[in-house]
PDB file of N, CA and C in Angstrom:
ATOM      1  N   MET A   1      53.587 125.124 -49.146  1.00  0.00           N
ATOM      2  CA  MET A   1      53.112 126.180 -49.627  1.00  0.00           C
ATOM      3  C   MET A   1      52.855 125.440 -51.007  1.00  0.00           C
ATOM      4  N   THR A   2      51.570 125.580 -51.485  1.00  0.00           N
ATOM      5  CA  THR A   2      50.985 125.441 -52.652  1.00  0.00           C
ATOM      6  C   THR A   2      51.322 126.515 -53.977  1.00  0.00           C
ATOM      7  N   GLU A   3      51.636 126.009 -55.019  1.00  0.00           N
ATOM      8  CA  GLU A   3      51.669 126.865 -56.070  1.00  0.00           C
ATOM      9  C   GLU A   3      50.631 128.118 -56.490  1.00  0.00           C
ATOM     10  N   ALA A   4      50.665 128.995 -57.351  1.00  0.00           N
ATOM     11  CA  ALA A   4      49.233 129.795 -57.422  1.00  0.00           C
ATOM     12  C   ALA A   4      48.848 129.349 -58.574  1.00  0.00           C
ATOM     13  N   GLU A   5      47.497 129.329 -58.857  1.00  0.00           N
ATOM     14  CA  GLU A   5      46.758 128.682 -59.924  1.00  0.00           C
ATOM     15  C   GLU A   5      46.961 129.744 -61.266  1.00  0.00           C
ATOM     16  N   PRO A   6      47.766 128.743 -62.286  1.00  0.00           N
ATOM     17  CA  PRO A   6      47.896 129.783 -63.419  1.00  0.00           C
ATOM     18  C   PRO A   6      46.934 130.553 -64.267  1.00  0.00           C
ATOM     19  N   TYR A   7      47.114 131.749 -64.507  1.00  0.00           N
ATOM     20  CA  TYR A   7      46.100 132.696 -65.181  1.00  0.00           C
ATOM     21  C   TYR A   7      45.365 131.771 -66.406  1.00  0.00           C
ATOM     22  N   ARG A   8      44.373 132.458 -66.817  1.00  0.00           N
ATOM     23  CA  ARG A   8      43.516 131.822 -68.037  1.00  0.00           C
ATOM     24  C   ARG A   8      44.035 132.845 -68.846  1.00  0.00           C
ATOM     25  N   VAL A   9      44.287 132.241 -70.336  1.00  0.00           N
ATOM     26  CA  VAL A   9      44.451 133.304 -71.322  1.00  0.00           C
ATOM     27  C   VAL A   9      43.476 133.244 -72.022  1.00  0.00           C
ATOM     28  N   VAL A  10      43.325 134.068 -72.678  1.00  0.00           N
ATOM     29  CA  VAL A  10      42.169 134.660 -73.485  1.00  0.00           C
ATOM     30  C   VAL A  10      42.758 135.430 -74.612  1.00  0.00           C
ATOM     31  N   LEU A  11      42.117 134.467 -76.123  1.00  0.00           N
ATOM     32  CA  LEU A  11      42.835 135.123 -77.372  1.00  0.00           C
ATOM     33  C   LEU A  11      41.600 136.258 -77.759  1.00  0.00           C
ATOM     34  N   SER A  12      42.123 137.679 -78.310  1.00  0.00           N
ATOM     35  CA  SER A  12      41.069 138.483 -78.712  1.00  0.00           C
ATOM     36  C   SER A  12      40.915 137.883 -80.457  1.00  0.00           C
ATOM     37  N   ARG A  13      39.993 138.278 -81.108  1.00  0.00           N
ATOM     38  CA  ARG A  13      39.744 137.889 -82.520  1.00  0.00           C
ATOM     39  C   ARG A  13      41.156 138.512 -83.128  1.00  0.00           C
ATOM     40  N   ARG A  14      41.470 139.771 -82.830  1.00  0.00           N
ATOM     41  CA  ARG A  14      42.790 140.150 -83.983  1.00  0.00           C
ATOM     42  C   ARG A  14      44.155 139.083 -83.571  1.00  0.00           C
ATOM     43  N   ALA A  15      44.015 138.638 -82.094  1.00  0.00           N
ATOM     44  CA  ALA A  15      45.085 137.739 -81.953  1.00  0.00           C
ATOM     45  C   ALA A  15      45.271 136.551 -82.497  1.00  0.00           C
ATOM     46  N   VAL A  16      43.720 135.877 -82.685  1.00  0.00           N
ATOM     47  CA  VAL A  16      43.902 134.870 -83.339  1.00  0.00           C
ATOM     48  C   VAL A  16      44.110 135.232 -85.040  1.00  0.00           C
ATOM     49  N   LYS A  17      43.606 136.185 -85.606  1.00  0.00           N
ATOM     50  CA  LYS A  17      43.766 136.142 -86.592  1.00  0.00           C
ATOM     51  C   LYS A  17      45.714 136.456 -86.933  1.00  0.00           C
ATOM     52  N   ASP A  18      46.109 136.835 -85.948  1.00  0.00           N
ATOM     53  CA  ASP A  18      47.795 136.972 -85.970  1.00  0.00           C
ATOM     54  C   ASP A  18      48.138 135.728 -86.091  1.00  0.00           C
ATOM     55  N   ILE A  19      47.637 134.939 -84.912  1.00  0.00           N
ATOM     56  CA  ILE A  19      48.440 133.657 -84.800  1.00  0.00           C
ATOM     57  C   ILE A  19      48.409 132.625 -86.201  1.00  0.00           C
ATOM     58  N   GLU A  20      47.282 132.845 -86.329  1.00  0.00           N
ATOM     59  CA  GLU A  20      46.556 131.995 -88.047  1.00  0.00           C
ATOM     60  C   GLU A  20      48.032 132.303 -89.199  1.00  0.00           C
ATOM     61  N   SER A  21      48.484 133.571 -89.007  1.00  0.00           N
ATOM     62  CA  SER A  21      49.454 134.180 -90.074  1.00  0.00           C
ATOM     63  C   SER A  21      50.845 133.909 -89.713  1.00  0.00           C
ATOM     64  N   LEU A  22      51.159 133.229 -88.597  1.00  0.00           N
ATOM     65  CA  LEU A  22      52.578 132.867 -88.125  1.00  0.00           C
ATOM     66  C   LEU A  22      52.685 131.411 -88.562  1.00  0.00           C
ATOM     67  N   PRO A  23      53.925 131.202 -88.807  1.00  0.00           N
ATOM     68  CA  PRO A  23      54.406 129.817 -89.308  1.00  0.00           C
ATOM     69  C   PRO A  23      54.661 128.976 -87.981  1.00  0.00           C
ATOM     70  N   PRO A  24      54.140 127.483 -88.563  1.00  0.00           N
ATOM     71  CA  PRO A  24      53.875 126.712 -87.324  1.00  0.00           C
ATOM     72  C   PRO A  24      54.890 126.771 -86.466  1.00  0.00           C
ATOM     73  N   LYS A  25      56.125 126.735 -86.403  1.00  0.00           N
ATOM     74  CA  LYS A  25      57.032 126.697 -85.694  1.00  0.00           C
ATOM     75  C   LYS A  25      56.891 127.825 -84.441  1.00  0.00           C
ATOM     76  N   VAL A  26      56.565 128.816 -85.229  1.00  0.00           N
ATOM     77  CA  VAL A  26      56.517 130.219 -83.894  1.00  0.00           C
ATOM     78  C   VAL A  26      55.128 130.226 -83.376  1.00  0.00           C
ATOM     79  N   ARG A  27      53.961 129.290 -84.275  1.00  0.00           N
ATOM     80  CA  ARG A  27      52.919 129.266 -82.931  1.00  0.00           C
ATOM     81  C   ARG A  27      52.955 128.374 -82.293  1.00  0.00           C
ATOM     82  N   LYS A  28      53.809 127.486 -82.194  1.00  0.00           N
ATOM     83  CA  LYS A  28      54.348 126.559 -81.054  1.00  0.00           C
ATOM     84  C   LYS A  28      55.243 127.137 -80.029  1.00  0.00           C
ATOM     85  N   LYS A  29      55.935 127.618 -80.815  1.00  0.00           N
ATOM     86  CA  LYS A  29      56.834 128.513 -79.566  1.00  0.00           C
ATOM     87  C   LYS A  29      55.793 129.732 -78.704  1.00  0.00           C
ATOM     88  N   LEU A  30      54.626 130.428 -79.203  1.00  0.00           N
ATOM     89  CA  LEU A  30      53.939 131.022 -78.717  1.00  0.00           C
ATOM     90  C   LEU A  30      53.339 130.311 -78.070  1.00  0.00           C
ATOM     91  N   GLY A  31      52.512 129.088 -77.911  1.00  0.00           N
ATOM     92  CA  GLY A  31      51.549 128.190 -77.318  1.00  0.00           C
ATOM     93  C   GLY A  31      52.410 127.906 -75.902  1.00  0.00           C
ATOM     94  N   GLU A  32      53.775 127.530 -76.141  1.00  0.00           N
ATOM     95  CA  GLU A  32      54.571 127.450 -75.141  1.00  0.00           C
ATOM     96  C   GLU A  32      54.753 128.335 -73.930  1.00  0.00           C
ATOM     97  N   MET A  33      55.048 129.679 -74.972  1.00  0.00           N
ATOM     98  CA  MET A  33      55.414 130.905 -73.846  1.00  0.00           C
ATOM     99  C   MET A  33      53.968 131.557 -73.264  1.00  0.00           C
ATOM    100  N   LEU A  34      52.955 131.299 -73.904  1.00  0.00           N
ATOM    101  CA  LEU A  34      51.676 131.328 -73.194  1.00  0.00           C
ATOM    102  C   LEU A  34      51.368 130.933 -71.859  1.00  0.00           C
ATOM    103  N   ARG A  35      51.751 129.258 -72.162  1.00  0.00           N
ATOM    104  CA  ARG A  35      51.475 128.414 -71.082  1.00  0.00           C
ATOM    105  C   ARG A  35      52.465 128.293 -70.081  1.00  0.00           C
ATOM    106  N   CYS A  36      53.610 128.313 -70.340  1.00  0.00           N
ATOM    107  CA  CYS A  36      54.672 128.318 -69.757  1.00  0.00           C
ATOM    108  C   CYS A  36      55.146 129.927 -68.776  1.00  0.00           C
ATOM    109  N   MET A  37      55.083 130.261 -69.148  1.00  0.00           N
ATOM    110  CA  MET A  37      55.358 132.052 -68.686  1.00  0.00           C
ATOM    111  C   MET A  37      54.321 133.000 -68.516  1.00  0.00           C
ATOM    112  N   VAL A  38      53.540 133.295 -69.568  1.00  0.00           N
ATOM    113  CA  VAL A  38      52.385 134.356 -69.451  1.00  0.00           C
ATOM    114  C   VAL A  38      51.446 133.604 -68.346  1.00  0.00           C
ATOM    115  N   ALA A  39      50.660 132.626 -68.315  1.00  0.00           N
ATOM    116  CA  ALA A  39      49.909 132.121 -67.600  1.00  0.00           C
ATOM    117  C   ALA A  39      50.767 132.002 -66.270  1.00  0.00           C
ATOM    118  N   ILE A  40      51.638 131.719 -65.867  1.00  0.00           N
ATOM    119  CA  ILE A  40      52.366 131.243 -64.506  1.00  0.00           C
ATOM    120  C   ILE A  40      52.440 132.661 -64.096  1.00  0.00           C
ATOM    121  N   GLN A  41      53.420 133.468 -64.810  1.00  0.00           N
ATOM    122  CA  GLN A  41      53.580 134.643 -64.259  1.00  0.00           C
ATOM    123  C   GLN A  41      53.476 136.033 -65.203  1.00  0.00           C
ATOM    124  N   PRO A  42      52.479 136.446 -65.372  1.00  0.00           N
ATOM    125  CA  PRO A  42      52.048 137.368 -66.456  1.00  0.00           C
ATOM    126  C   PRO A  42      52.888 138.499 -66.414  1.00  0.00           C
ATOM    127  N   THR A  43      53.383 139.170 -65.341  1.00  0.00           N
ATOM    128  CA  THR A  43      54.508 140.169 -64.912  1.00  0.00           C
ATOM    129  C   THR A  43      55.934 139.714 -66.032  1.00  0.00           C
ATOM    130  N   CYS A  44      55.784 138.885 -66.559  1.00  0.00           N
ATOM    131  CA  CYS A  44      57.165 138.410 -67.037  1.00  0.00           C
ATOM    132  C   CYS A  44      57.714 139.214 -68.224  1.00  0.00           C
ATOM    133  N   GLY A  45      56.427 140.047 -68.902  1.00  0.00           N
ATOM    134  CA  GLY A  45      57.111 140.769 -70.153  1.00  0.00           C
ATOM    135  C   GLY A  45      57.277 142.476 -69.477  1.00  0.00           C
ATOM    136  N   LYS A  46      57.514 143.131 -70.481  1.00  0.00           N
ATOM    137  CA  LYS A  46      57.628 144.195 -70.501  1.00  0.00           C
ATOM    138  C   LYS A  46      56.366 145.256 -70.215  1.00  0.00           C
ATOM    139  N   LYS A  47      56.289 146.433 -68.893  1.00  0.00           N
ATOM    140  CA  LYS A  47      55.336 146.997 -68.801  1.00  0.00           C
ATOM    141  C   LYS A  47      55.559 148.298 -69.663  1.00  0.00           C
ATOM    142  N   LEU A  48      54.475 148.448 -70.816  1.00  0.00           N
ATOM    143  CA  LEU A  48      54.214 149.523 -72.198  1.00  0.00           C
ATOM    144  C   LEU A  48      53.867 150.853 -71.328  1.00  0.00           C
ATOM    145  N   VAL A  49      54.152 151.820 -71.841  1.00  0.00           N
ATOM    146  CA  VAL A  49      53.676 153.123 -71.401  1.00  0.00           C
ATOM    147  C   VAL A  49      52.872 153.927 -72.414  1.00  0.00           C
ATOM    148  N   GLY A  50      52.830 155.188 -72.297  1.00  0.00           N
ATOM    149  CA  GLY A  50      52.122 156.281 -73.214  1.00  0.00           C
ATOM    150  C   GLY A  50      50.633 155.386 -73.440  1.00  0.00           C
ATOM    151  N   ASP A  51      50.575 155.481 -74.963  1.00  0.00           N
ATOM    152  CA  ASP A  51      49.143 155.123 -75.811  1.00  0.00           C
ATOM    153  C   ASP A  51      48.954 153.750 -75.026  1.00  0.00           C
ATOM    154  N   LEU A  52      49.773 153.038 -74.822  1.00  0.00           N
ATOM    155  CA  LEU A  52      49.528 151.561 -74.132  1.00  0.00           C
ATOM    156  C   LEU A  52      49.553 150.794 -72.848  1.00  0.00           C
ATOM    157  N   GLN A  53      49.995 152.064 -72.151  1.00  0.00           N
ATOM    158  CA  GLN A  53      49.882 151.919 -70.521  1.00  0.00           C
ATOM    159  C   GLN A  53      48.998 150.957 -70.251  1.00  0.00           C
ATOM    160  N   GLY A  54      49.198 150.205 -69.411  1.00  0.00           N
ATOM    161  CA  GLY A  54      48.103 149.447 -68.636  1.00  0.00           C
ATOM    162  C   GLY A  54      48.228 147.708 -69.624  1.00  0.00           C
ATOM    163  N   TYR A  55      49.107 147.714 -70.406  1.00  0.00           N
ATOM    164  CA  TYR A  55      49.181 146.548 -71.136  1.00  0.00           C
ATOM    165  C   TYR A  55      51.085 145.992 -71.066  1.00  0.00           C
ATOM    166  N   TRP A  56      51.321 145.209 -71.854  1.00  0.00           N
ATOM    167  CA  TRP A  56      52.407 144.383 -71.411  1.00  0.00           C
ATOM    168  C   TRP A  56      52.833 143.791 -72.648  1.00  0.00           C
ATOM    169  N   SER A  57      54.237 143.432 -73.057  1.00  0.00           N
ATOM    170  CA  SER A  57      54.738 142.913 -74.125  1.00  0.00           C
ATOM    171  C   SER A  57      55.503 142.022 -73.997  1.00  0.00           C
ATOM    172  N   LEU A  58      55.879 141.026 -74.690  1.00  0.00           N
ATOM    173  CA  LEU A  58      56.665 139.810 -74.673  1.00  0.00           C
ATOM    174  C   LEU A  58      57.105 139.638 -76.046  1.00  0.00           C
ATOM    175  N   ARG A  59      58.716 139.615 -76.391  1.00  0.00           N
ATOM    176  CA  ARG A  59      59.069 139.317 -77.593  1.00  0.00           C
ATOM    177  C   ARG A  59      59.075 137.783 -77.713  1.00  0.00           C
ATOM    178  N   LEU A  60      58.249 137.760 -79.297  1.00  0.00           N
ATOM    179  CA  LEU A  60      58.270 136.293 -79.825  1.00  0.00           C
ATOM    180  C   LEU A  60      59.013 136.064 -80.587  1.00  0.00           C
ATOM    181  N   THR A  61      59.430 136.497 -81.786  1.00  0.00           N
ATOM    182  CA  THR A  61      60.729 136.903 -82.414  1.00  0.00           C
ATOM    183  C   THR A  61      61.187 137.987 -82.573  1.00  0.00           C
ATOM    184  N   LEU A  62      62.212 138.003 -83.471  1.00  0.00           N
ATOM    185  CA  LEU A  62      63.007 139.417 -83.138  1.00  0.00           C
ATOM    186  C   LEU A  62      62.226 140.467 -83.952  1.00  0.00           C
ATOM    187  N   ARG A  63      61.243 140.208 -84.500  1.00  0.00           N
ATOM    188  CA  ARG A  63      60.314 141.466 -85.408  1.00  0.00           C
ATOM    189  C   ARG A  63      58.748 140.912 -84.521  1.00  0.00           C
ATOM    190  N   ASP A  64      58.477 139.925 -83.972  1.00  0.00           N
ATOM    191  CA  ASP A  64      57.119 140.074 -83.449  1.00  0.00           C
ATOM    192  C   ASP A  64      57.033 139.833 -81.576  1.00  0.00           C
ATOM    193  N   ARG A  65      55.829 140.214 -81.410  1.00  0.00           N
ATOM    194  CA  ARG A  65      55.699 140.813 -80.017  1.00  0.00           C
ATOM    195  C   ARG A  65      53.972 139.928 -79.790  1.00  0.00           C
ATOM    196  N   ILE A  66      54.357 139.608 -78.667  1.00  0.00           N
ATOM    197  CA  ILE A  66      52.586 139.294 -77.907  1.00  0.00           C
ATOM    198  C   ILE A  66      52.608 140.667 -77.003  1.00  0.00           C
ATOM    199  N   VAL A  67      51.300 141.030 -77.262  1.00  0.00           N
ATOM    200  CA  VAL A  67      50.632 142.302 -76.845  1.00  0.00           C
ATOM    201  C   VAL A  67      49.559 141.705 -75.613  1.00  0.00           C
ATOM    202  N   TYR A  68      49.720 141.930 -74.310  1.00  0.00           N
ATOM    203  CA  TYR A  68      48.156 141.586 -73.676  1.00  0.00           C
ATOM    204  C   TYR A  68      48.250 142.520 -72.628  1.00  0.00           C
ATOM    205  N   ARG A  69      46.975 141.890 -71.677  1.00  0.00           N
ATOM    206  CA  ARG A  69      46.462 142.941 -70.512  1.00  0.00           C
ATOM    207  C   ARG A  69      46.289 142.203 -69.550  1.00  0.00           C
ATOM    208  N   ILE A  70      46.570 142.270 -68.138  1.00  0.00           N
ATOM    209  CA  ILE A  70      46.335 141.592 -67.045  1.00  0.00           C
ATOM    210  C   ILE A  70      45.081 141.964 -66.345  1.00  0.00           C
ATOM    211  N   GLU A  71      44.394 140.823 -65.955  1.00  0.00           N
ATOM    212  CA  GLU A  71      42.993 141.182 -65.595  1.00  0.00           C
ATOM    213  C   GLU A  71      43.160 140.425 -63.781  1.00  0.00           C
ATOM    214  N   GLU A  72      43.293 141.223 -63.145  1.00  0.00           N
ATOM    215  CA  GLU A  72      43.665 140.475 -61.794  1.00  0.00           C
ATOM    216  C   GLU A  72      42.486 140.224 -60.893  1.00  0.00           C
ATOM    217  N   ASP A  73      41.425 141.007 -60.954  1.00  0.00           N
ATOM    218  CA  ASP A  73      40.267 140.325 -60.226  1.00  0.00           C
ATOM    219  C   ASP A  73      39.477 139.209 -61.030  1.00  0.00           C
ATOM    220  N   SER A  74      39.718 138.925 -62.328  1.00  0.00           N
ATOM    221  CA  SER A  74      39.186 137.757 -62.803  1.00  0.00           C
ATOM    222  C   SER A  74      40.334 136.770 -63.299  1.00  0.00           C
ATOM    223  N   HIS A  75      41.881 136.428 -62.704  1.00  0.00           N
ATOM    224  CA  HIS A  75      42.458 135.551 -63.034  1.00  0.00           C
ATOM    225  C   HIS A  75      43.218 135.902 -64.553  1.00  0.00           C
ATOM    226  N   THR A  76      43.077 136.624 -65.473  1.00  0.00           N
ATOM    227  CA  THR A  76      43.016 136.193 -66.335  1.00  0.00           C
ATOM    228  C   THR A  76      43.945 137.296 -67.337  1.00  0.00           C
ATOM    229  N   VAL A  77      44.694 136.484 -68.614  1.00  0.00           N
ATOM    230  CA  VAL A  77      45.614 137.278 -69.288  1.00  0.00           C
ATOM    231  C   VAL A  77      44.583 137.536 -70.511  1.00  0.00           C
ATOM    232  N   ILE A  78      44.525 138.421 -71.120  1.00  0.00           N
ATOM    233  CA  ILE A  78      43.974 138.869 -72.624  1.00  0.00           C
ATOM    234  C   ILE A  78      45.129 138.985 -73.374  1.00  0.00           C
ATOM    235  N   VAL A  79      44.987 138.311 -74.671  1.00  0.00           N
ATOM    236  CA  VAL A  79      46.386 138.593 -75.518  1.00  0.00           C
ATOM    237  C   VAL A  79      45.382 139.226 -76.936  1.00  0.00           C
ATOM    238  N   LEU A  80      45.907 140.701 -76.995  1.00  0.00           N
ATOM    239  CA  LEU A  80      45.490 141.568 -78.146  1.00  0.00           C
ATOM    240  C   LEU A  80      46.331 141.345 -79.537  1.00  0.00           C
ATOM    241  N   ARG A  81      47.634 141.151 -79.428  1.00  0.00           N
ATOM    242  CA  ARG A  81      48.267 141.027 -80.396  1.00  0.00           C
ATOM    243  C   ARG A  81      49.494 139.785 -80.251  1.00  0.00           C
ATOM    244  N   ALA A  82      49.371 139.067 -81.561  1.00  0.00           N
ATOM    245  CA  ALA A  82      50.700 138.115 -81.543  1.00  0.00           C
ATOM    246  C   ALA A  82      51.514 138.456 -82.815  1.00  0.00           C
ATOM    247  N   ARG A  83      51.612 139.466 -83.183  1.00  0.00           N
ATOM    248  CA  ARG A  83      52.504 139.607 -84.539  1.00  0.00           C
ATOM    249  C   ARG A  83      53.192 141.098 -84.333  1.00  0.00           C
ATOM    250  N   SER A  84      53.910 141.490 -85.473  1.00  0.00           N
ATOM    251  CA  SER A  84      54.650 142.186 -85.571  1.00  0.00           C
ATOM    252  C   SER A  84      54.193 143.667 -85.277  1.00  0.00           C
ATOM    253  N   HIS A  85      54.695 144.505 -84.273  1.00  0.00           N
ATOM    254  CA  HIS A  85      53.823 145.902 -84.200  1.00  0.00           C
ATOM    255  C   HIS A  85      54.398 146.597 -85.610  1.00  0.00           C
ATOM    256  N   TYR A  86      55.389 146.360 -86.137  1.00  0.00           N
ATOM    257  CA  TYR A  86      55.782 147.350 -87.182  1.00  0.00           C
ATOM    258  C   TYR A  86      55.096 147.152 -88.482  1.00  0.00           C
ATOM    259  N   ASP A  87      53.853 146.185 -88.634  1.00  0.00           N
ATOM    260  CA  ASP A  87      53.023 146.158 -89.870  1.00  0.00           C
ATOM    261  C   ASP A  87      52.166 147.251 -89.932  1.00  0.00           C
ATOM    262  N   VAL A  88      52.049 147.755 -90.951  1.00  0.00           N
ATOM    263  CA  VAL A  88      50.790 149.028 -91.129  1.00  0.00           C
ATOM    264  C   VAL A  88      49.775 148.659 -91.743  1.00  0.00           C
TER     265      VAL A  88
END
């Protein structure tokens, strides 16, 4: 049995801006999480409900979350946010 091919991870413009504002240590952790967790098993996060139904969330730090959507047909994960959802 062979391993399934990892999902392709795509960052939205907003996610890129979020990532640029993260400290280097957190940026490195994010990269590892996307490569080793999300790309391999996208459903490892928490399925969101309500207005964000269809999206997933994964804790990056105590305050920050990765919010993403899974597109099965193109085998792609689209990262929408990589920052605190508490920011206004």
